[in-house]
Amino acid sequence: MTRTQFIANVEREQKALRGFLFALCCGNKSDADDLAQDSLVKAYLSSAGYQENGRFRSWLFKIAYNTFLNHKASCCTMESVDEARTLVSSTSADDGFKHQSLHLALRSLPPKERFAITLFYLNGYSIKDIAAITDSSDDAVKQLLSRGRTKLKEILQF
């Protein structure tokens, strides 16, 4: 992939990447922006190995997923929504934020469940695509989605 092709692909996918990482980081824009930057640098450095037959977005999200796991897996996990609310209220979160309850609930999920829920429900990825990004089986993704949905239902009281 040439530098020009890479830039064009990034321009097309940057908004989706930032939205994806924003959800994974439970609404923390600063962390999401940092991870997006790290992911894009890693993607550029790896762009020579990109296979044109694959989807650029899936390839980029896989890099972002691994970057998230390497840098934020333990930082964004909370034991409860109350603990997350305390953290959010003591930082710069906007109380009027439209999806704050969802981000607080996502914050209490383990990173892999949060990732599966985010890709499937917020980004519209199929189970097969998520399995390819995470290097896992379709059944493993289905289990992550099931556990994540169950926990979110309990937290959000649906």
N, C-alpha and C. Protein backbone atom coordinates (compact mmCIF):
# COMPACT_ATOMS: atom_id res chain seq x y z
N MET A 1 0.85 -1.17 0.00
CA MET A 1 0.00 0.00 0.00
C MET A 1 0.89 1.23 0.00
N THR A 2 0.58 2.14 -0.86
CA THR A 2 1.36 3.38 -0.93
C THR A 2 0.91 4.33 0.19
N ARG A 3 1.73 5.33 0.42
CA ARG A 3 1.41 6.33 1.44
C ARG A 3 0.10 7.05 1.08
N THR A 4 -0.08 7.37 -0.17
CA THR A 4 -1.29 8.04 -0.63
C THR A 4 -2.53 7.18 -0.41
N GLN A 5 -2.42 5.89 -0.72
CA GLN A 5 -3.54 4.97 -0.48
C GLN A 5 -3.86 4.87 1.00
N PHE A 6 -2.81 4.80 1.83
CA PHE A 6 -3.01 4.72 3.27
C PHE A 6 -3.75 5.95 3.78
N ILE A 7 -3.30 7.12 3.36
CA ILE A 7 -3.94 8.36 3.80
C ILE A 7 -5.41 8.41 3.38
N ALA A 8 -5.69 8.00 2.15
CA ALA A 8 -7.08 7.99 1.66
C ALA A 8 -7.93 7.03 2.48
N ASN A 9 -7.40 5.86 2.78
CA ASN A 9 -8.14 4.89 3.60
C ASN A 9 -8.38 5.41 5.00
N VAL A 10 -7.37 6.03 5.59
CA VAL A 10 -7.52 6.57 6.94
C VAL A 10 -8.54 7.70 6.96
N GLU A 11 -8.50 8.56 5.98
CA GLU A 11 -9.48 9.65 5.92
C GLU A 11 -10.91 9.10 5.85
N ARG A 12 -11.09 8.01 5.13
CA ARG A 12 -12.40 7.39 5.00
C ARG A 12 -12.85 6.70 6.30
N GLU A 13 -11.92 6.13 7.05
CA GLU A 13 -12.26 5.32 8.22
C GLU A 13 -12.00 5.98 9.57
N GLN A 14 -11.41 7.16 9.58
CA GLN A 14 -11.00 7.79 10.84
C GLN A 14 -12.16 8.04 11.79
N LYS A 15 -13.27 8.52 11.27
CA LYS A 15 -14.42 8.81 12.13
C LYS A 15 -14.95 7.53 12.79
N ALA A 16 -15.04 6.45 12.02
CA ALA A 16 -15.50 5.17 12.57
C ALA A 16 -14.51 4.64 13.61
N LEU A 17 -13.23 4.78 13.34
CA LEU A 17 -12.21 4.33 14.29
C LEU A 17 -12.32 5.09 15.60
N ARG A 18 -12.45 6.39 15.53
CA ARG A 18 -12.56 7.20 16.75
C ARG A 18 -13.84 6.88 17.52
N GLY A 19 -14.93 6.68 16.81
CA GLY A 19 -16.18 6.31 17.46
C GLY A 19 -16.08 4.96 18.15
N PHE A 20 -15.45 4.02 17.49
CA PHE A 20 -15.23 2.69 18.04
C PHE A 20 -14.40 2.76 19.32
N LEU A 21 -13.29 3.49 19.27
CA LEU A 21 -12.44 3.61 20.44
C LEU A 21 -13.09 4.43 21.55
N PHE A 22 -13.90 5.42 21.17
CA PHE A 22 -14.64 6.20 22.16
C PHE A 22 -15.56 5.29 22.97
N ALA A 23 -16.23 4.38 22.29
CA ALA A 23 -17.11 3.43 22.98
C ALA A 23 -16.31 2.47 23.83
N LEU A 24 -15.19 1.96 23.31
CA LEU A 24 -14.35 1.05 24.09
C LEU A 24 -13.79 1.72 25.33
N CYS A 25 -13.51 3.01 25.22
CA CYS A 25 -12.95 3.77 26.36
C CYS A 25 -14.05 4.36 27.23
N CYS A 26 -15.26 3.87 27.07
CA CYS A 26 -16.38 4.22 27.94
C CYS A 26 -16.65 5.73 27.95
N GLY A 27 -16.53 6.36 26.79
CA GLY A 27 -16.85 7.77 26.70
C GLY A 27 -15.71 8.71 27.05
N ASN A 28 -14.52 8.18 27.29
CA ASN A 28 -13.37 9.03 27.61
C ASN A 28 -12.70 9.45 26.30
N LYS A 29 -12.98 10.66 25.86
CA LYS A 29 -12.50 11.16 24.56
C LYS A 29 -10.98 11.24 24.52
N SER A 30 -10.38 11.67 25.59
CA SER A 30 -8.93 11.81 25.63
C SER A 30 -8.23 10.46 25.42
N ASP A 31 -8.69 9.45 26.15
CA ASP A 31 -8.11 8.11 25.99
C ASP A 31 -8.35 7.57 24.58
N ALA A 32 -9.57 7.79 24.07
CA ALA A 32 -9.90 7.32 22.72
C ALA A 32 -9.01 7.99 21.68
N ASP A 33 -8.79 9.29 21.82
CA ASP A 33 -7.93 10.00 20.88
C ASP A 33 -6.48 9.49 20.95
N ASP A 34 -6.00 9.25 22.15
CA ASP A 34 -4.64 8.72 22.31
C ASP A 34 -4.51 7.35 21.66
N LEU A 35 -5.50 6.49 21.89
CA LEU A 35 -5.46 5.16 21.30
C LEU A 35 -5.60 5.21 19.78
N ALA A 36 -6.42 6.12 19.29
CA ALA A 36 -6.57 6.27 17.84
C ALA A 36 -5.23 6.67 17.22
N GLN A 37 -4.55 7.61 17.85
CA GLN A 37 -3.26 8.05 17.34
C GLN A 37 -2.26 6.89 17.35
N ASP A 38 -2.18 6.16 18.45
CA ASP A 38 -1.28 5.01 18.53
C ASP A 38 -1.63 3.97 17.47
N SER A 39 -2.91 3.72 17.28
CA SER A 39 -3.36 2.73 16.31
C SER A 39 -2.99 3.14 14.89
N LEU A 40 -3.17 4.41 14.58
CA LEU A 40 -2.85 4.88 13.23
C LEU A 40 -1.35 4.83 12.96
N VAL A 41 -0.54 5.13 13.96
CA VAL A 41 0.92 5.02 13.79
C VAL A 41 1.29 3.56 13.55
N LYS A 42 0.74 2.65 14.35
CA LYS A 42 1.02 1.22 14.17
C LYS A 42 0.55 0.74 12.80
N ALA A 43 -0.62 1.20 12.39
CA ALA A 43 -1.15 0.80 11.09
C ALA A 43 -0.23 1.30 9.97
N TYR A 44 0.23 2.53 10.07
CA TYR A 44 1.12 3.06 9.03
C TYR A 44 2.41 2.26 8.96
N LEU A 45 2.97 1.96 10.13
CA LEU A 45 4.21 1.19 10.16
C LEU A 45 4.02 -0.24 9.62
N SER A 46 2.81 -0.75 9.69
CA SER A 46 2.50 -2.11 9.20
C SER A 46 1.85 -2.11 7.83
N SER A 47 1.66 -0.95 7.24
CA SER A 47 0.87 -0.86 6.00
C SER A 47 1.46 -1.65 4.84
N ALA A 48 2.76 -1.89 4.85
CA ALA A 48 3.37 -2.67 3.77
C ALA A 48 2.83 -4.11 3.78
N GLY A 49 2.44 -4.61 4.94
CA GLY A 49 1.92 -5.97 5.05
C GLY A 49 0.43 -6.09 4.87
N TYR A 50 -0.25 -4.98 4.62
CA TYR A 50 -1.71 -5.01 4.45
C TYR A 50 -2.06 -5.76 3.18
N GLN A 51 -3.00 -6.69 3.29
CA GLN A 51 -3.48 -7.47 2.15
C GLN A 51 -4.66 -6.75 1.53
N GLU A 52 -4.54 -6.36 0.29
CA GLU A 52 -5.61 -5.61 -0.39
C GLU A 52 -6.92 -6.38 -0.46
N ASN A 53 -6.88 -7.69 -0.33
CA ASN A 53 -8.12 -8.48 -0.43
C ASN A 53 -8.98 -8.37 0.82
N GLY A 54 -8.43 -7.84 1.89
CA GLY A 54 -9.20 -7.67 3.12
C GLY A 54 -9.82 -6.29 3.19
N ARG A 55 -10.70 -6.11 4.14
CA ARG A 55 -11.30 -4.79 4.36
C ARG A 55 -10.36 -3.96 5.22
N PHE A 56 -10.07 -2.76 4.77
CA PHE A 56 -9.16 -1.88 5.50
C PHE A 56 -9.70 -1.60 6.90
N ARG A 57 -11.01 -1.37 7.01
CA ARG A 57 -11.59 -1.04 8.32
C ARG A 57 -11.38 -2.19 9.30
N SER A 58 -11.60 -3.42 8.89
CA SER A 58 -11.40 -4.57 9.78
C SER A 58 -9.94 -4.67 10.21
N TRP A 59 -9.04 -4.47 9.25
CA TRP A 59 -7.62 -4.51 9.55
C TRP A 59 -7.25 -3.42 10.56
N LEU A 60 -7.75 -2.22 10.34
CA LEU A 60 -7.47 -1.10 11.23
C LEU A 60 -8.09 -1.32 12.61
N PHE A 61 -9.31 -1.83 12.66
CA PHE A 61 -9.96 -2.10 13.95
C PHE A 61 -9.22 -3.20 14.72
N LYS A 62 -8.65 -4.15 14.01
CA LYS A 62 -7.89 -5.20 14.69
C LYS A 62 -6.66 -4.59 15.36
N ILE A 63 -6.01 -3.68 14.67
CA ILE A 63 -4.86 -2.98 15.26
C ILE A 63 -5.32 -2.16 16.46
N ALA A 64 -6.46 -1.48 16.32
CA ALA A 64 -6.99 -0.67 17.42
C ALA A 64 -7.37 -1.55 18.61
N TYR A 65 -7.96 -2.70 18.33
CA TYR A 65 -8.33 -3.64 19.39
C TYR A 65 -7.09 -4.07 20.17
N ASN A 66 -6.05 -4.47 19.47
CA ASN A 66 -4.83 -4.90 20.15
C ASN A 66 -4.17 -3.75 20.90
N THR A 67 -4.23 -2.56 20.34
CA THR A 67 -3.69 -1.38 21.03
C THR A 67 -4.48 -1.12 22.31
N PHE A 68 -5.80 -1.22 22.21
CA PHE A 68 -6.67 -1.04 23.38
C PHE A 68 -6.32 -2.07 24.46
N LEU A 69 -6.22 -3.34 24.07
CA LEU A 69 -5.92 -4.39 25.05
C LEU A 69 -4.56 -4.17 25.70
N ASN A 70 -3.59 -3.75 24.91
CA ASN A 70 -2.25 -3.54 25.45
C ASN A 70 -2.15 -2.34 26.38
N HIS A 71 -2.94 -1.31 26.12
CA HIS A 71 -2.80 -0.08 26.89
C HIS A 71 -3.90 0.18 27.90
N LYS A 72 -5.11 -0.33 27.63
CA LYS A 72 -6.24 0.10 28.45
C LYS A 72 -7.05 -1.00 29.10
N ALA A 73 -6.70 -2.22 28.92
CA ALA A 73 -7.54 -3.30 29.42
C ALA A 73 -7.86 -3.17 30.90
N SER A 74 -6.86 -2.86 31.68
CA SER A 74 -7.11 -2.76 33.12
C SER A 74 -7.53 -1.36 33.55
N CYS A 75 -7.26 -0.36 32.73
CA CYS A 75 -7.54 1.01 33.12
C CYS A 75 -9.02 1.35 33.07
N CYS A 76 -9.78 0.70 32.24
CA CYS A 76 -11.15 1.10 32.00
C CYS A 76 -12.16 0.15 32.64
N THR A 77 -11.69 -0.86 33.35
CA THR A 77 -12.60 -1.81 33.96
C THR A 77 -12.91 -1.38 35.38
N MET A 78 -14.18 -1.35 35.70
CA MET A 78 -14.63 -0.99 37.04
C MET A 78 -15.43 -2.16 37.61
N GLU A 79 -15.46 -2.25 38.90
CA GLU A 79 -16.21 -3.32 39.54
C GLU A 79 -17.70 -3.07 39.48
N SER A 80 -18.10 -1.82 39.48
CA SER A 80 -19.53 -1.53 39.47
C SER A 80 -19.80 -0.20 38.77
N VAL A 81 -21.05 0.01 38.44
CA VAL A 81 -21.44 1.27 37.82
C VAL A 81 -21.27 2.41 38.82
N ASP A 82 -21.52 2.16 40.11
CA ASP A 82 -21.34 3.21 41.11
C ASP A 82 -19.89 3.69 41.15
N GLU A 83 -18.95 2.74 41.06
CA GLU A 83 -17.53 3.11 41.03
C GLU A 83 -17.23 3.94 39.79
N ALA A 84 -17.80 3.56 38.65
CA ALA A 84 -17.61 4.33 37.41
C ALA A 84 -18.22 5.72 37.53
N ARG A 85 -19.41 5.81 38.14
CA ARG A 85 -20.05 7.12 38.31
C ARG A 85 -19.18 8.04 39.16
N THR A 86 -18.58 7.49 40.22
CA THR A 86 -17.71 8.28 41.08
C THR A 86 -16.52 8.79 40.28
N LEU A 87 -15.92 7.92 39.47
CA LEU A 87 -14.79 8.32 38.65
C LEU A 87 -15.20 9.38 37.65
N VAL A 88 -16.32 9.16 36.97
CA VAL A 88 -16.77 10.10 35.95
C VAL A 88 -17.12 11.45 36.56
N SER A 89 -17.79 11.45 37.71
CA SER A 89 -18.18 12.72 38.32
C SER A 89 -16.98 13.49 38.84
N SER A 90 -15.88 12.81 39.11
CA SER A 90 -14.70 13.50 39.60
C SER A 90 -13.79 13.95 38.46
N THR A 91 -14.15 13.62 37.21
CA THR A 91 -13.35 14.06 36.07
C THR A 91 -14.17 15.00 35.22
N SER A 92 -13.92 15.02 33.94
CA SER A 92 -14.52 16.03 33.09
C SER A 92 -15.74 15.55 32.32
N ALA A 93 -16.42 14.53 32.77
CA ALA A 93 -17.58 14.02 32.03
C ALA A 93 -18.72 15.04 32.06
N ASP A 94 -19.42 15.11 30.99
CA ASP A 94 -20.56 16.00 30.86
C ASP A 94 -21.81 15.27 31.33
N ASP A 95 -22.46 15.77 32.38
CA ASP A 95 -23.65 15.11 32.91
C ASP A 95 -24.77 15.00 31.89
N GLY A 96 -24.78 15.87 30.92
CA GLY A 96 -25.81 15.84 29.90
C GLY A 96 -25.46 14.93 28.73
N PHE A 97 -24.37 14.21 28.81
CA PHE A 97 -23.93 13.36 27.72
C PHE A 97 -25.00 12.32 27.40
N LYS A 98 -25.36 12.26 26.15
CA LYS A 98 -26.49 11.47 25.69
C LYS A 98 -26.40 9.98 26.04
N HIS A 99 -25.22 9.38 25.91
CA HIS A 99 -25.07 7.94 26.12
C HIS A 99 -24.27 7.62 27.38
N GLN A 100 -24.30 8.51 28.34
CA GLN A 100 -23.47 8.33 29.53
C GLN A 100 -23.81 7.03 30.26
N SER A 101 -25.07 6.70 30.39
CA SER A 101 -25.46 5.47 31.10
C SER A 101 -24.88 4.24 30.42
N LEU A 102 -24.93 4.23 29.09
CA LEU A 102 -24.37 3.10 28.35
C LEU A 102 -22.87 3.01 28.56
N HIS A 103 -22.17 4.13 28.48
CA HIS A 103 -20.71 4.11 28.67
C HIS A 103 -20.35 3.70 30.09
N LEU A 104 -21.14 4.11 31.06
CA LEU A 104 -20.89 3.67 32.44
C LEU A 104 -21.09 2.17 32.57
N ALA A 105 -22.13 1.66 31.94
CA ALA A 105 -22.39 0.22 31.98
C ALA A 105 -21.29 -0.54 31.24
N LEU A 106 -20.88 -0.04 30.09
CA LEU A 106 -19.80 -0.69 29.33
C LEU A 106 -18.51 -0.72 30.13
N ARG A 107 -18.30 0.32 30.92
CA ARG A 107 -17.08 0.41 31.73
C ARG A 107 -16.96 -0.75 32.71
N SER A 108 -18.09 -1.29 33.14
CA SER A 108 -18.05 -2.38 34.12
C SER A 108 -17.84 -3.75 33.47
N LEU A 109 -17.90 -3.82 32.15
CA LEU A 109 -17.68 -5.10 31.45
C LEU A 109 -16.19 -5.38 31.30
N PRO A 110 -15.82 -6.66 31.28
CA PRO A 110 -14.43 -6.99 30.94
C PRO A 110 -14.12 -6.51 29.52
N PRO A 111 -12.89 -6.16 29.23
CA PRO A 111 -12.55 -5.59 27.92
C PRO A 111 -13.00 -6.41 26.71
N LYS A 112 -12.87 -7.72 26.75
CA LYS A 112 -13.24 -8.53 25.59
C LYS A 112 -14.75 -8.50 25.35
N GLU A 113 -15.55 -8.52 26.42
CA GLU A 113 -17.00 -8.42 26.27
C GLU A 113 -17.37 -7.03 25.75
N ARG A 114 -16.73 -6.00 26.29
CA ARG A 114 -16.99 -4.63 25.86
C ARG A 114 -16.66 -4.48 24.38
N PHE A 115 -15.57 -5.08 23.96
CA PHE A 115 -15.16 -5.00 22.57
C PHE A 115 -16.19 -5.67 21.66
N ALA A 116 -16.63 -6.87 22.02
CA ALA A 116 -17.61 -7.59 21.19
C ALA A 116 -18.93 -6.82 21.11
N ILE A 117 -19.40 -6.33 22.24
CA ILE A 117 -20.65 -5.55 22.27
C ILE A 117 -20.51 -4.29 21.41
N THR A 118 -19.39 -3.61 21.55
CA THR A 118 -19.16 -2.37 20.81
C THR A 118 -19.14 -2.62 19.30
N LEU A 119 -18.40 -3.63 18.87
CA LEU A 119 -18.33 -3.91 17.43
C LEU A 119 -19.67 -4.39 16.88
N PHE A 120 -20.35 -5.26 17.61
CA PHE A 120 -21.58 -5.85 17.09
C PHE A 120 -22.73 -4.85 17.09
N TYR A 121 -22.96 -4.19 18.21
CA TYR A 121 -24.13 -3.32 18.34
C TYR A 121 -23.89 -1.87 17.92
N LEU A 122 -22.72 -1.36 18.18
CA LEU A 122 -22.47 0.05 17.87
C LEU A 122 -21.84 0.26 16.50
N ASN A 123 -21.15 -0.77 15.97
CA ASN A 123 -20.49 -0.62 14.68
C ASN A 123 -21.06 -1.54 13.61
N GLY A 124 -21.97 -2.43 13.97
CA GLY A 124 -22.65 -3.27 12.98
C GLY A 124 -21.81 -4.38 12.38
N TYR A 125 -20.78 -4.82 13.06
CA TYR A 125 -19.96 -5.92 12.56
C TYR A 125 -20.68 -7.24 12.78
N SER A 126 -20.43 -8.18 11.88
CA SER A 126 -21.00 -9.52 12.02
C SER A 126 -20.15 -10.33 13.00
N ILE A 127 -20.69 -11.42 13.45
CA ILE A 127 -19.95 -12.31 14.36
C ILE A 127 -18.70 -12.82 13.68
N LYS A 128 -18.79 -13.16 12.40
CA LYS A 128 -17.62 -13.63 11.64
C LYS A 128 -16.53 -12.56 11.59
N ASP A 129 -16.93 -11.31 11.34
CA ASP A 129 -15.95 -10.22 11.29
C ASP A 129 -15.27 -10.01 12.64
N ILE A 130 -16.07 -10.07 13.71
CA ILE A 130 -15.50 -9.90 15.06
C ILE A 130 -14.54 -11.04 15.37
N ALA A 131 -14.91 -12.24 14.98
CA ALA A 131 -14.04 -13.41 15.20
C ALA A 131 -12.71 -13.23 14.45
N ALA A 132 -12.79 -12.69 13.24
CA ALA A 132 -11.56 -12.47 12.46
C ALA A 132 -10.68 -11.39 13.11
N ILE A 133 -11.29 -10.34 13.60
CA ILE A 133 -10.54 -9.25 14.23
C ILE A 133 -9.86 -9.73 15.51
N THR A 134 -10.57 -10.56 16.28
CA THR A 134 -10.05 -11.00 17.58
C THR A 134 -9.29 -12.32 17.51
N ASP A 135 -9.19 -12.90 16.32
CA ASP A 135 -8.54 -14.22 16.17
C ASP A 135 -9.18 -15.26 17.09
N SER A 136 -10.50 -15.28 17.10
CA SER A 136 -11.21 -16.27 17.92
C SER A 136 -12.29 -16.93 17.07
N SER A 137 -13.00 -17.87 17.64
CA SER A 137 -14.04 -18.59 16.91
C SER A 137 -15.36 -17.82 16.97
N ASP A 138 -16.26 -18.18 16.06
CA ASP A 138 -17.60 -17.60 16.08
C ASP A 138 -18.29 -17.89 17.41
N ASP A 139 -18.13 -19.11 17.91
CA ASP A 139 -18.76 -19.48 19.18
C ASP A 139 -18.23 -18.65 20.34
N ALA A 140 -16.94 -18.36 20.33
CA ALA A 140 -16.36 -17.53 21.40
C ALA A 140 -16.96 -16.13 21.36
N VAL A 141 -17.13 -15.58 20.17
CA VAL A 141 -17.74 -14.25 20.03
C VAL A 141 -19.18 -14.29 20.51
N LYS A 142 -19.91 -15.33 20.15
CA LYS A 142 -21.31 -15.46 20.59
C LYS A 142 -21.39 -15.51 22.11
N GLN A 143 -20.45 -16.21 22.75
CA GLN A 143 -20.42 -16.27 24.21
C GLN A 143 -20.13 -14.90 24.81
N LEU A 144 -19.18 -14.18 24.24
CA LEU A 144 -18.87 -12.84 24.73
C LEU A 144 -20.09 -11.92 24.61
N LEU A 145 -20.78 -12.00 23.48
CA LEU A 145 -21.98 -11.18 23.28
C LEU A 145 -23.07 -11.55 24.27
N SER A 146 -23.26 -12.84 24.48
CA SER A 146 -24.30 -13.29 25.41
C SER A 146 -24.01 -12.83 26.83
N ARG A 147 -22.77 -13.04 27.28
CA ARG A 147 -22.40 -12.61 28.63
C ARG A 147 -22.50 -11.10 28.76
N GLY A 148 -22.02 -10.37 27.76
CA GLY A 148 -22.08 -8.92 27.79
C GLY A 148 -23.50 -8.40 27.83
N ARG A 149 -24.39 -8.98 27.01
CA ARG A 149 -25.81 -8.56 27.01
C ARG A 149 -26.45 -8.81 28.37
N THR A 150 -26.17 -9.97 28.94
CA THR A 150 -26.75 -10.32 30.24
C THR A 150 -26.30 -9.31 31.30
N LYS A 151 -25.03 -9.01 31.31
CA LYS A 151 -24.51 -8.05 32.30
C LYS A 151 -25.08 -6.65 32.07
N LEU A 152 -25.14 -6.24 30.81
CA LEU A 152 -25.70 -4.92 30.52
C LEU A 152 -27.18 -4.82 30.91
N LYS A 153 -27.94 -5.89 30.69
CA LYS A 153 -29.35 -5.89 31.09
C LYS A 153 -29.49 -5.71 32.59
N GLU A 154 -28.62 -6.40 33.33
CA GLU A 154 -28.67 -6.28 34.80
C GLU A 154 -28.29 -4.86 35.23
N ILE A 155 -27.22 -4.34 34.63
CA ILE A 155 -26.74 -3.02 35.02
C ILE A 155 -27.74 -1.91 34.65
N LEU A 156 -28.24 -2.00 33.42
CA LEU A 156 -29.14 -0.97 32.92
C LEU A 156 -30.60 -1.25 33.29
N GLN A 157 -30.85 -2.40 33.88
CA GLN A 157 -32.16 -2.81 34.36
C GLN A 157 -33.22 -2.78 33.28
N PHE A 158 -32.92 -3.47 32.18
CA PHE A 158 -33.89 -3.62 31.09
C PHE A 158 -34.77 -4.81 31.35
